[in-house]
C-alpha atoms as a PDB file:
ATOM      1  CA  MET A   1       2.557 -11.221  10.697  1.00  0.00           C
ATOM      2  CA  GLU A   2       2.925 -14.981  10.779  1.00  0.00           C
ATOM      3  CA  HIS A   3       3.908 -16.847   7.666  1.00  0.00           C
ATOM      4  CA  LYS A   4       0.884 -18.833   6.507  1.00  0.00           C
ATOM      5  CA  THR A   5       1.700 -22.457   5.791  1.00  0.00           C
ATOM      6  CA  ASP A   6      -1.853 -23.781   5.592  1.00  0.00           C
ATOM      7  CA  LYS A   7      -2.465 -22.009   2.291  1.00  0.00           C
ATOM      8  CA  LYS A   8      -5.265 -19.908   3.740  1.00  0.00           C
ATOM      9  CA  ILE A   9      -5.499 -16.373   5.057  1.00  0.00           C
ATOM     10  CA  ASN A  10      -8.630 -15.490   7.087  1.00  0.00           C
ATOM     11  CA  SER A  11     -10.108 -18.714   5.702  1.00  0.00           C
ATOM     12  CA  ILE A  12      -9.527 -17.468   2.133  1.00  0.00           C
ATOM     13  CA  ASP A  13      -7.880 -19.967  -0.183  1.00  0.00           C
ATOM     14  CA  PHE A  14      -4.435 -18.730  -1.308  1.00  0.00           C
ATOM     15  CA  HIS A  15      -5.568 -18.772  -4.941  1.00  0.00           C
ATOM     16  CA  GLU A  16      -8.903 -17.084  -4.521  1.00  0.00           C
ATOM     17  CA  GLU A  17      -9.305 -13.770  -6.399  1.00  0.00           C
ATOM     18  CA  ILE A  18      -9.158 -10.722  -4.139  1.00  0.00           C
ATOM     19  CA  THR A  19     -10.993  -7.463  -4.739  1.00  0.00           C
ATOM     20  CA  LEU A  20      -9.603  -4.100  -3.742  1.00  0.00           C
ATOM     21  CA  GLU A  21     -11.815  -1.234  -2.504  1.00  0.00           C
ATOM     22  CA  ARG A  22     -11.343   2.188  -0.994  1.00  0.00           C
ATOM     23  CA  LEU A  23     -11.946   1.737   2.723  1.00  0.00           C
ATOM     24  CA  GLU A  24     -14.464   4.623   2.660  1.00  0.00           C
ATOM     25  CA  ASN A  25     -16.609   2.588   0.259  1.00  0.00           C
ATOM     26  CA  LEU A  26     -16.770  -0.456   2.591  1.00  0.00           C
ATOM     27  CA  THR A  27     -19.673   0.626   4.793  1.00  0.00           C
ATOM     28  CA  ASP A  28     -19.133  -2.012   7.471  1.00  0.00           C
ATOM     29  CA  TYR A  29     -15.426  -1.382   7.897  1.00  0.00           C
ATOM     30  CA  LYS A  30     -13.289   1.462   9.319  1.00  0.00           C
ATOM     31  CA  VAL A  31      -9.910   2.090  10.863  1.00  0.00           C
ATOM     32  CA  ALA A  32      -9.993   0.497  14.298  1.00  0.00           C
ATOM     33  CA  ASP A  33     -10.438   2.624  17.386  1.00  0.00           C
ATOM     34  CA  GLY A  34      -7.096   3.641  18.845  1.00  0.00           C
ATOM     35  CA  TYR A  35      -5.328   3.747  15.458  1.00  0.00           C
ATOM     36  CA  ASP A  36      -4.570   6.802  13.347  1.00  0.00           C
ATOM     37  CA  ASN A  37      -6.608   7.350  10.241  1.00  0.00           C
ATOM     38  CA  VAL A  38      -3.886   8.750   7.954  1.00  0.00           C
ATOM     39  CA  MET A  39      -6.257  10.185   5.351  1.00  0.00           C
ATOM     40  CA  GLY A  40      -4.924  13.603   4.291  1.00  0.00           C
ATOM     41  CA  TRP A  41      -1.542  13.109   5.972  1.00  0.00           C
ATOM     42  CA  ARG A  42       1.615  14.074   4.180  1.00  0.00           C
ATOM     43  CA  VAL A  43       3.779  11.241   2.782  1.00  0.00           C
ATOM     44  CA  VAL A  44       7.495  11.826   2.930  1.00  0.00           C
ATOM     45  CA  ALA A  45      10.490   9.832   1.732  1.00  0.00           C
ATOM     46  CA  ASN A  46      13.399   9.457   4.145  1.00  0.00           C
ATOM     47  CA  GLY A  47      11.788  11.931   6.572  1.00  0.00           C
ATOM     48  CA  GLU A  48      12.165  14.982   4.415  1.00  0.00           C
ATOM     49  CA  LEU A  49      11.142  14.739   0.691  1.00  0.00           C
ATOM     50  CA  GLU A  50       7.377  15.276   0.408  1.00  0.00           C
ATOM     51  CA  LEU A  51       5.866  12.816  -2.110  1.00  0.00           C
ATOM     52  CA  GLY A  52       2.183  13.709  -1.698  1.00  0.00           C
ATOM     53  CA  LYS A  53      -0.822  13.181   0.579  1.00  0.00           C
ATOM     54  CA  VAL A  54      -2.811  10.104   1.506  1.00  0.00           C
ATOM     55  CA  ARG A  55      -6.000  10.214  -0.514  1.00  0.00           C
ATOM     56  CA  ALA A  56      -7.467   6.848   0.436  1.00  0.00           C
ATOM     57  CA  LEU A  57      -6.784   3.564   2.160  1.00  0.00           C
ATOM     58  CA  ILE A  58      -7.121   0.577  -0.171  1.00  0.00           C
ATOM     59  CA  ALA A  59      -8.408  -2.562   1.503  1.00  0.00           C
ATOM     60  CA  SER A  60      -9.426  -6.117   0.797  1.00  0.00           C
ATOM     61  CA  LYS A  61     -12.700  -7.122   2.398  1.00  0.00           C
ATOM     62  CA  GLU A  62     -11.817 -10.800   1.906  1.00  0.00           C
ATOM     63  CA  LEU A  63      -8.529 -10.417   3.788  1.00  0.00           C
ATOM     64  CA  GLU A  64      -9.909  -7.894   6.251  1.00  0.00           C
ATOM     65  CA  ARG A  65      -6.926  -5.604   6.005  1.00  0.00           C
ATOM     66  CA  ILE A  66      -5.574  -2.539   4.342  1.00  0.00           C
ATOM     67  CA  LEU A  67      -3.099  -3.253   1.546  1.00  0.00           C
ATOM     68  CA  TYR A  68      -2.184   0.103   0.014  1.00  0.00           C
ATOM     69  CA  LEU A  69      -2.061   3.828   0.698  1.00  0.00           C
ATOM     70  CA  ASP A  70      -3.453   5.742  -2.277  1.00  0.00           C
ATOM     71  CA  ILE A  71      -1.315   8.897  -2.623  1.00  0.00           C
ATOM     72  CA  GLU A  72      -1.959  12.050  -4.634  1.00  0.00           C
ATOM     73  CA  VAL A  73       1.498  13.017  -5.908  1.00  0.00           C
ATOM     74  CA  GLU A  74       2.865  16.517  -5.187  1.00  0.00           C
ATOM     75  CA  LYS A  75       3.121  18.766  -8.243  1.00  0.00           C
ATOM     76  CA  ASN A  76       6.891  19.081  -7.926  1.00  0.00           C
ATOM     77  CA  MET A  77       7.230  15.266  -7.867  1.00  0.00           C
ATOM     78  CA  ARG A  78       5.415  14.697 -11.144  1.00  0.00           C
ATOM     79  CA  ASN A  79       8.002  13.657 -13.675  1.00  0.00           C
ATOM     80  CA  ASP A  80       5.692  14.347 -16.591  1.00  0.00           C
ATOM     81  CA  PRO A  81       2.867  16.937 -16.536  1.00  0.00           C
ATOM     82  CA  ASN A  82       0.733  14.540 -18.596  1.00  0.00           C
ATOM     83  CA  SER A  83       1.303  11.539 -16.332  1.00  0.00           C
ATOM     84  CA  HIS A  84      -1.245  10.261 -13.868  1.00  0.00           C
ATOM     85  CA  LEU A  85      -1.356  11.943 -10.495  1.00  0.00           C
ATOM     86  CA  TYR A  86      -1.730   8.960  -8.136  1.00  0.00           C
ATOM     87  CA  VAL A  87       0.390   6.072  -6.804  1.00  0.00           C
ATOM     88  CA  LEU A  88      -0.271   3.164  -4.507  1.00  0.00           C
ATOM     89  CA  ILE A  89       2.266   2.398  -1.841  1.00  0.00           C
ATOM     90  CA  PRO A  90       2.145  -1.019  -0.139  1.00  0.00           C
ATOM     91  CA  ILE A  91       1.089  -0.559   3.482  1.00  0.00           C
ATOM     92  CA  GLY A  92       4.066  -2.462   4.838  1.00  0.00           C
ATOM     93  CA  LEU A  93       6.529   0.135   3.503  1.00  0.00           C
ATOM     94  CA  ALA A  94       4.957   2.982   5.445  1.00  0.00           C
ATOM     95  CA  LYS A  95       5.715   4.116   8.976  1.00  0.00           C
ATOM     96  CA  ILE A  96       3.522   6.550  10.867  1.00  0.00           C
ATOM     97  CA  ASP A  97       4.854   9.535  12.774  1.00  0.00           C
ATOM     98  CA  HIS A  98       1.830  10.166  14.953  1.00  0.00           C
ATOM     99  CA  ASP A  99       3.041  13.394  16.495  1.00  0.00           C
ATOM    100  CA  ALA A 100       3.892  15.044  13.172  1.00  0.00           C
ATOM    101  CA  GLU A 101       0.930  13.400  11.333  1.00  0.00           C
ATOM    102  CA  ILE A 102       3.292  12.251   8.618  1.00  0.00           C
ATOM    103  CA  VAL A 103       3.618   8.889   6.821  1.00  0.00           C
ATOM    104  CA  ASN A 104       7.277   8.004   6.207  1.00  0.00           C
ATOM    105  CA  VAL A 105       8.324   5.783   3.315  1.00  0.00           C
ATOM    106  CA  ASP A 106      12.033   5.206   3.748  1.00  0.00           C
ATOM    107  CA  SER A 107      12.368   2.722   0.907  1.00  0.00           C
ATOM    108  CA  ILE A 108      11.603   5.316  -1.822  1.00  0.00           C
ATOM    109  CA  ASP A 109      13.878   8.256  -2.614  1.00  0.00           C
ATOM    110  CA  ALA A 110      13.495  11.085  -5.123  1.00  0.00           C
ATOM    111  CA  GLU A 111      15.417   9.253  -7.838  1.00  0.00           C
ATOM    112  CA  ALA A 112      13.392   6.066  -7.427  1.00  0.00           C
ATOM    113  CA  PHE A 113      10.114   7.972  -7.244  1.00  0.00           C
ATOM    114  CA  VAL A 114      10.654   9.360 -10.763  1.00  0.00           C
ATOM    115  CA  SER A 115      10.160   5.878 -12.190  1.00  0.00           C
ATOM    116  CA  TYR A 116       7.474   4.828  -9.654  1.00  0.00           C
ATOM    117  CA  PRO A 117       4.343   3.563 -11.483  1.00  0.00           C
ATOM    118  CA  ARG A 118       1.490   6.050 -11.565  1.00  0.00           C
ATOM    119  CA  TYR A 119      -2.228   5.393 -12.128  1.00  0.00           C
ATOM    120  CA  ASP A 120      -5.340   7.405 -12.931  1.00  0.00           C
ATOM    121  CA  GLY A 121      -6.812   7.329  -9.454  1.00  0.00           C
ATOM    122  CA  GLN A 122      -9.897   5.465 -10.657  1.00  0.00           C
ATOM    123  CA  GLY A 123     -10.289   1.686 -10.347  1.00  0.00           C
ATOM    124  CA  ILE A 124      -7.159  -0.258  -9.471  1.00  0.00           C
ATOM    125  CA  HIS A 125      -6.541  -2.415 -12.526  1.00  0.00           C
ATOM    126  CA  MET A 126      -4.468  -5.548 -12.377  1.00  0.00           C
ATOM    127  CA  ASP A 127      -2.080  -4.208 -15.049  1.00  0.00           C
ATOM    128  CA  TYR A 128      -1.179  -1.392 -12.649  1.00  0.00           C
ATOM    129  CA  GLU A 129      -0.565  -3.847  -9.844  1.00  0.00           C
ATOM    130  CA  TYR A 130       1.664  -5.782 -12.231  1.00  0.00           C
ATOM    131  CA  LEU A 131       3.681  -2.582 -12.836  1.00  0.00           C
ATOM    132  CA  LEU A 132       4.055  -2.266  -9.046  1.00  0.00           C
ATOM    133  CA  TYR A 133       5.141  -5.882  -8.858  1.00  0.00           C
ATOM    134  CA  GLN A 134       7.797  -5.281 -11.528  1.00  0.00           C
ATOM    135  CA  TYR A 135       8.981  -2.132  -9.725  1.00  0.00           C
ATOM    136  CA  TYR A 136       9.402  -3.931  -6.374  1.00  0.00           C
ATOM    137  CA  ALA A 137      10.784  -7.125  -7.929  1.00  0.00           C
ATOM    138  CA  GLU A 138      13.846  -5.105  -8.981  1.00  0.00           C
ATOM    139  CA  HIS A 139      14.491  -4.142  -5.330  1.00  0.00           C
ATOM    140  CA  PRO A 140      17.317  -6.304  -3.949  1.00  0.00           C
ATOM    141  CA  ASP A 141      15.768  -6.655  -0.463  1.00  0.00           C
ATOM    142  CA  ILE A 142      12.264  -7.662  -1.623  1.00  0.00           C
ATOM    143  CA  HIS A 143      11.738 -11.220  -2.741  1.00  0.00           C
ATOM    144  CA  LEU A 144       8.383 -11.671  -4.469  1.00  0.00           C
ATOM    145  CA  GLU A 145       6.458 -14.696  -5.592  1.00  0.00           C
ATOM    146  CA  PRO A 146       5.726 -14.655  -9.364  1.00  0.00           C
ATOM    147  CA  PHE A 147       2.712 -12.355 -10.011  1.00  0.00           C
ATOM    148  CA  LYS A 148      -0.216 -14.619 -10.951  1.00  0.00           C
ATOM    149  CA  GLY A 149      -3.016 -12.148 -10.289  1.00  0.00           C
ATOM    150  CA  ARG A 150      -4.762 -10.765  -7.208  1.00  0.00           C
ATOM    151  CA  THR A 151      -4.671 -13.733  -4.919  1.00  0.00           C
ATOM    152  CA  ALA A 152      -4.417 -14.058  -1.159  1.00  0.00           C
ATOM    153  CA  LYS A 153      -0.989 -15.622  -1.658  1.00  0.00           C
ATOM    154  CA  TYR A 154       0.326 -12.508  -3.433  1.00  0.00           C
ATOM    155  CA  TYR A 155      -0.754 -10.302  -0.558  1.00  0.00           C
ATOM    156  CA  ASP A 156       0.874 -12.564   2.069  1.00  0.00           C
ATOM    157  CA  HIS A 157       4.226 -10.837   1.561  1.00  0.00           C
ATOM    158  CA  ASP A 158       5.747  -9.967   4.935  1.00  0.00           C
ATOM    159  CA  LEU A 159       7.470  -6.765   3.880  1.00  0.00           C
ATOM    160  CA  LEU A 160       5.058  -5.193   1.440  1.00  0.00           C
ATOM    161  CA  TYR A 161       1.728  -5.926   2.997  1.00  0.00           C
ATOM    162  CA  ASN A 162       2.509  -6.342   6.696  1.00  0.00           C
ATOM    163  CA  GLN A 163       0.561  -3.782   8.687  1.00  0.00           C
ATOM    164  CA  THR A 164       2.532  -4.267  11.885  1.00  0.00           C
ATOM    165  CA  THR A 165       5.358  -2.197  10.463  1.00  0.00           C
ATOM    166  CA  VAL A 166       2.935   0.687  10.121  1.00  0.00           C
ATOM    167  CA  TYR A 167       1.044   0.540  13.392  1.00  0.00           C
ATOM    168  CA  GLY A 168       3.619  -0.974  15.754  1.00  0.00           C
ATOM    169  CA  ASN A 169       3.093  -4.460  17.187  1.00  0.00           C
ATOM    170  CA  GLU A 170      -0.630  -4.659  16.519  1.00  0.00           C
ATOM    171  CA  THR A 171      -2.332  -4.764  13.180  1.00  0.00           C
ATOM    172  CA  ILE A 172      -4.932  -2.234  12.238  1.00  0.00           C
ATOM    173  CA  GLY A 173      -8.442  -3.620  12.264  1.00  0.00           C
ATOM    174  CA  PHE A 174     -11.442  -2.537  10.408  1.00  0.00           C
END
């Protein structure tokens, strides 16, 4: 993904509010032909620890790209039986193993996943995204802009929201 210096992404102003939707709810959009639809695939950390399964792809119609994988957390990975069952993982942190039909997330291990922010699986509220921001802001290799809401600029982060790391050298279309 190129770094955007013109303060626009897909002709969206950097400071314009972005909405997030489940891809299945965007009737005119889908995973592009030739790319894997990872819905239902297992999500593993470091190639072995099963975190859960992909429940949905979370997209921005304005940016015309997928931003998150919505994961239903495995029962044995729930740190509190009363906690929420779902997490969002930024798309740029995932790598697809096509042959095994697995999504690998190497940047999260079992210890880190215990404190990973959970949500109720309903609407994606900005307070939950702020918790994700705080979680990743503590990571030494991820340098984030200050969180000022759901703007195109926030989602222009090369590591967290770059789809080329997931699907090889081409971005997934919809």
